[in-house]
Amino acid sequence: MKTFTYKITDEQGIHARPAGMLIKEAKKYQSKIIVSADEKEAEATKLIGIMSMGIKCGTEITVTIEGEDEELAVTNMQSFFKQYL
């Protein structure tokens, strides 16, 4: 299991467009990817779950990745967050 934290820098937080991009990225991996913030968590492949978290700019999230391709997934997910969120 691998984890990393990231502070959301997008002014609008995780809204519909970046949430869709996050889900598309997360579905590339066999590992289970969980996003958690403010005592809420959701699987990164579930749009409703991610959107219902209401993640705003400045929120620190924790991403937990567990599975057979977790090494690749953690590296690529960190890059994804830095580039888009």
N, C-alpha and C. Protein backbone atom coordinates (compact mmCIF):
# COMPACT_ATOMS: atom_id res chain seq x y z
N MET A 1 0.85 -1.18 0.00
CA MET A 1 0.00 0.00 0.00
C MET A 1 0.89 1.24 0.00
N LYS A 2 0.53 2.18 -0.85
CA LYS A 2 1.26 3.44 -0.97
C LYS A 2 0.29 4.58 -0.72
N THR A 3 0.79 5.66 -0.09
CA THR A 3 -0.05 6.84 0.12
C THR A 3 0.77 8.09 -0.17
N PHE A 4 0.06 9.14 -0.56
CA PHE A 4 0.67 10.45 -0.67
C PHE A 4 -0.38 11.50 -0.38
N THR A 5 0.08 12.68 0.01
CA THR A 5 -0.84 13.79 0.25
C THR A 5 -0.60 14.86 -0.80
N TYR A 6 -1.64 15.62 -1.06
CA TYR A 6 -1.55 16.69 -2.05
C TYR A 6 -2.53 17.79 -1.66
N LYS A 7 -2.08 19.02 -1.77
CA LYS A 7 -2.94 20.18 -1.49
C LYS A 7 -3.49 20.69 -2.81
N ILE A 8 -4.81 20.71 -2.94
CA ILE A 8 -5.48 21.12 -4.18
C ILE A 8 -5.20 22.60 -4.45
N THR A 9 -4.69 22.90 -5.65
CA THR A 9 -4.35 24.27 -6.01
C THR A 9 -5.29 24.86 -7.06
N ASP A 10 -6.10 24.03 -7.71
CA ASP A 10 -7.06 24.54 -8.69
C ASP A 10 -8.06 25.45 -7.97
N GLU A 11 -8.26 26.66 -8.49
CA GLU A 11 -9.13 27.64 -7.83
C GLU A 11 -10.55 27.13 -7.60
N GLN A 12 -11.02 26.23 -8.46
CA GLN A 12 -12.38 25.72 -8.34
C GLN A 12 -12.44 24.38 -7.62
N GLY A 13 -11.30 23.89 -7.15
CA GLY A 13 -11.28 22.60 -6.47
C GLY A 13 -11.49 21.47 -7.47
N ILE A 14 -11.99 20.34 -6.97
CA ILE A 14 -12.27 19.22 -7.87
C ILE A 14 -13.73 19.32 -8.29
N HIS A 15 -13.94 19.96 -9.44
CA HIS A 15 -15.29 20.09 -10.00
C HIS A 15 -15.44 19.05 -11.11
N ALA A 16 -16.51 19.12 -11.88
CA ALA A 16 -16.87 18.05 -12.82
C ALA A 16 -15.77 17.68 -13.81
N ARG A 17 -15.17 18.66 -14.48
CA ARG A 17 -14.18 18.34 -15.50
C ARG A 17 -12.94 17.65 -14.92
N PRO A 18 -12.29 18.21 -13.90
CA PRO A 18 -11.13 17.50 -13.36
C PRO A 18 -11.49 16.19 -12.68
N ALA A 19 -12.70 16.09 -12.12
CA ALA A 19 -13.12 14.82 -11.52
C ALA A 19 -13.21 13.75 -12.60
N GLY A 20 -13.74 14.11 -13.76
CA GLY A 20 -13.80 13.17 -14.87
C GLY A 20 -12.43 12.74 -15.34
N MET A 21 -11.51 13.69 -15.39
CA MET A 21 -10.13 13.39 -15.78
C MET A 21 -9.47 12.48 -14.74
N LEU A 22 -9.74 12.73 -13.46
CA LEU A 22 -9.19 11.90 -12.38
C LEU A 22 -9.67 10.46 -12.53
N ILE A 23 -10.95 10.30 -12.79
CA ILE A 23 -11.53 8.96 -12.92
C ILE A 23 -10.92 8.24 -14.11
N LYS A 24 -10.77 8.93 -15.22
CA LYS A 24 -10.17 8.34 -16.42
C LYS A 24 -8.75 7.88 -16.12
N GLU A 25 -7.99 8.69 -15.40
CA GLU A 25 -6.61 8.33 -15.03
C GLU A 25 -6.61 7.13 -14.08
N ALA A 26 -7.47 7.14 -13.07
CA ALA A 26 -7.50 6.07 -12.07
C ALA A 26 -7.89 4.72 -12.68
N LYS A 27 -8.71 4.75 -13.71
CA LYS A 27 -9.16 3.50 -14.35
C LYS A 27 -8.06 2.82 -15.16
N LYS A 28 -6.94 3.47 -15.33
CA LYS A 28 -5.82 2.88 -16.07
C LYS A 28 -5.11 1.81 -15.26
N TYR A 29 -5.36 1.76 -13.96
CA TYR A 29 -4.61 0.89 -13.06
C TYR A 29 -5.50 -0.18 -12.45
N GLN A 30 -4.89 -1.32 -12.17
CA GLN A 30 -5.62 -2.40 -11.51
C GLN A 30 -5.74 -2.15 -10.01
N SER A 31 -4.85 -1.36 -9.47
CA SER A 31 -4.87 -1.06 -8.04
C SER A 31 -6.11 -0.27 -7.66
N LYS A 32 -6.53 -0.44 -6.42
CA LYS A 32 -7.64 0.34 -5.87
C LYS A 32 -7.07 1.68 -5.40
N ILE A 33 -7.70 2.77 -5.83
CA ILE A 33 -7.22 4.11 -5.50
C ILE A 33 -8.32 4.83 -4.72
N ILE A 34 -7.99 5.24 -3.50
CA ILE A 34 -8.94 5.91 -2.61
C ILE A 34 -8.47 7.34 -2.36
N VAL A 35 -9.39 8.29 -2.51
CA VAL A 35 -9.12 9.69 -2.21
C VAL A 35 -9.84 10.02 -0.92
N SER A 36 -9.15 10.61 0.05
CA SER A 36 -9.79 10.98 1.31
C SER A 36 -9.42 12.40 1.69
N ALA A 37 -10.40 13.07 2.31
CA ALA A 37 -10.20 14.45 2.78
C ALA A 37 -11.32 14.78 3.76
N ASP A 38 -10.98 15.49 4.82
CA ASP A 38 -11.98 15.95 5.79
C ASP A 38 -12.91 14.83 6.24
N GLU A 39 -12.34 13.69 6.59
CA GLU A 39 -13.07 12.54 7.12
C GLU A 39 -14.04 11.91 6.12
N LYS A 40 -13.89 12.22 4.84
CA LYS A 40 -14.68 11.59 3.78
C LYS A 40 -13.70 10.86 2.88
N GLU A 41 -14.19 9.80 2.23
CA GLU A 41 -13.35 9.12 1.26
C GLU A 41 -14.20 8.55 0.14
N ALA A 42 -13.56 8.39 -1.01
CA ALA A 42 -14.24 7.83 -2.17
C ALA A 42 -13.23 7.12 -3.05
N GLU A 43 -13.70 6.12 -3.76
CA GLU A 43 -12.87 5.44 -4.73
C GLU A 43 -12.67 6.38 -5.91
N ALA A 44 -11.45 6.48 -6.39
CA ALA A 44 -11.11 7.44 -7.44
C ALA A 44 -11.76 7.14 -8.78
N THR A 45 -12.41 5.99 -8.91
CA THR A 45 -13.09 5.64 -10.16
C THR A 45 -14.58 5.92 -10.10
N LYS A 46 -15.07 6.52 -9.02
CA LYS A 46 -16.51 6.76 -8.83
C LYS A 46 -16.80 8.26 -8.85
N LEU A 47 -17.40 8.74 -9.94
CA LEU A 47 -17.66 10.17 -10.12
C LEU A 47 -18.52 10.74 -8.99
N ILE A 48 -19.62 10.10 -8.68
CA ILE A 48 -20.52 10.61 -7.64
C ILE A 48 -19.79 10.70 -6.30
N GLY A 49 -18.99 9.69 -5.98
CA GLY A 49 -18.24 9.70 -4.73
C GLY A 49 -17.27 10.87 -4.65
N ILE A 50 -16.51 11.08 -5.73
CA ILE A 50 -15.54 12.18 -5.76
C ILE A 50 -16.25 13.53 -5.67
N MET A 51 -17.30 13.70 -6.47
CA MET A 51 -18.03 14.97 -6.48
C MET A 51 -18.69 15.27 -5.13
N SER A 52 -19.20 14.23 -4.47
CA SER A 52 -19.90 14.44 -3.19
C SER A 52 -18.95 14.84 -2.06
N MET A 53 -17.66 14.68 -2.27
CA MET A 53 -16.70 15.08 -1.24
C MET A 53 -16.58 16.59 -1.13
N GLY A 54 -16.90 17.31 -2.20
CA GLY A 54 -16.86 18.78 -2.17
C GLY A 54 -15.46 19.32 -1.91
N ILE A 55 -14.47 18.80 -2.59
CA ILE A 55 -13.08 19.20 -2.37
C ILE A 55 -12.82 20.57 -3.01
N LYS A 56 -12.41 21.52 -2.18
CA LYS A 56 -12.18 22.89 -2.62
C LYS A 56 -10.70 23.22 -2.68
N CYS A 57 -10.38 24.34 -3.28
CA CYS A 57 -9.00 24.81 -3.35
C CYS A 57 -8.43 24.93 -1.93
N GLY A 58 -7.23 24.45 -1.73
CA GLY A 58 -6.59 24.52 -0.43
C GLY A 58 -6.79 23.29 0.43
N THR A 59 -7.70 22.41 0.03
CA THR A 59 -7.95 21.18 0.79
C THR A 59 -6.78 20.22 0.60
N GLU A 60 -6.32 19.64 1.70
CA GLU A 60 -5.28 18.62 1.61
C GLU A 60 -5.95 17.26 1.53
N ILE A 61 -5.63 16.53 0.48
CA ILE A 61 -6.20 15.19 0.31
C ILE A 61 -5.12 14.15 0.52
N THR A 62 -5.55 12.94 0.83
CA THR A 62 -4.66 11.79 0.92
C THR A 62 -5.12 10.78 -0.11
N VAL A 63 -4.19 10.29 -0.88
CA VAL A 63 -4.49 9.29 -1.90
C VAL A 63 -3.81 7.99 -1.46
N THR A 64 -4.60 6.93 -1.37
CA THR A 64 -4.11 5.62 -0.96
C THR A 64 -4.27 4.67 -2.14
N ILE A 65 -3.20 3.98 -2.49
CA ILE A 65 -3.20 3.09 -3.64
C ILE A 65 -2.73 1.71 -3.18
N GLU A 66 -3.52 0.69 -3.51
CA GLU A 66 -3.16 -0.67 -3.10
C GLU A 66 -3.48 -1.63 -4.23
N GLY A 67 -2.49 -2.42 -4.61
CA GLY A 67 -2.69 -3.40 -5.67
C GLY A 67 -1.39 -3.76 -6.35
N GLU A 68 -1.51 -4.58 -7.38
CA GLU A 68 -0.30 -5.11 -8.00
C GLU A 68 0.50 -4.09 -8.80
N ASP A 69 -0.15 -3.00 -9.27
CA ASP A 69 0.60 -1.98 -10.00
C ASP A 69 0.68 -0.66 -9.23
N GLU A 70 0.71 -0.77 -7.89
CA GLU A 70 0.69 0.44 -7.05
C GLU A 70 1.91 1.33 -7.24
N GLU A 71 3.07 0.77 -7.52
CA GLU A 71 4.27 1.59 -7.72
C GLU A 71 4.09 2.53 -8.92
N LEU A 72 3.65 1.98 -10.03
CA LEU A 72 3.40 2.77 -11.23
C LEU A 72 2.26 3.76 -10.99
N ALA A 73 1.20 3.28 -10.36
CA ALA A 73 0.03 4.13 -10.12
C ALA A 73 0.36 5.32 -9.23
N VAL A 74 1.13 5.14 -8.18
CA VAL A 74 1.44 6.25 -7.28
C VAL A 74 2.28 7.30 -8.00
N THR A 75 3.23 6.88 -8.79
CA THR A 75 4.06 7.83 -9.54
C THR A 75 3.21 8.63 -10.52
N ASN A 76 2.38 7.94 -11.28
CA ASN A 76 1.56 8.61 -12.29
C ASN A 76 0.45 9.45 -11.68
N MET A 77 -0.13 9.01 -10.59
CA MET A 77 -1.20 9.79 -9.94
C MET A 77 -0.62 11.07 -9.33
N GLN A 78 0.57 11.00 -8.75
CA GLN A 78 1.21 12.21 -8.23
C GLN A 78 1.44 13.21 -9.36
N SER A 79 1.92 12.75 -10.48
CA SER A 79 2.13 13.63 -11.64
C SER A 79 0.81 14.21 -12.12
N PHE A 80 -0.24 13.39 -12.15
CA PHE A 80 -1.56 13.86 -12.58
C PHE A 80 -2.04 15.00 -11.68
N PHE A 81 -1.97 14.82 -10.37
CA PHE A 81 -2.44 15.86 -9.45
C PHE A 81 -1.64 17.14 -9.61
N LYS A 82 -0.32 17.04 -9.75
CA LYS A 82 0.51 18.24 -9.92
C LYS A 82 0.17 18.98 -11.21
N GLN A 83 -0.14 18.23 -12.25
CA GLN A 83 -0.41 18.85 -13.54
C GLN A 83 -1.82 19.45 -13.64
N TYR A 84 -2.82 18.80 -13.06
CA TYR A 84 -4.21 19.21 -13.29
C TYR A 84 -4.95 19.79 -12.07
N LEU A 85 -4.50 19.49 -10.86
CA LEU A 85 -5.25 19.94 -9.70
C LEU A 85 -4.40 20.72 -8.73
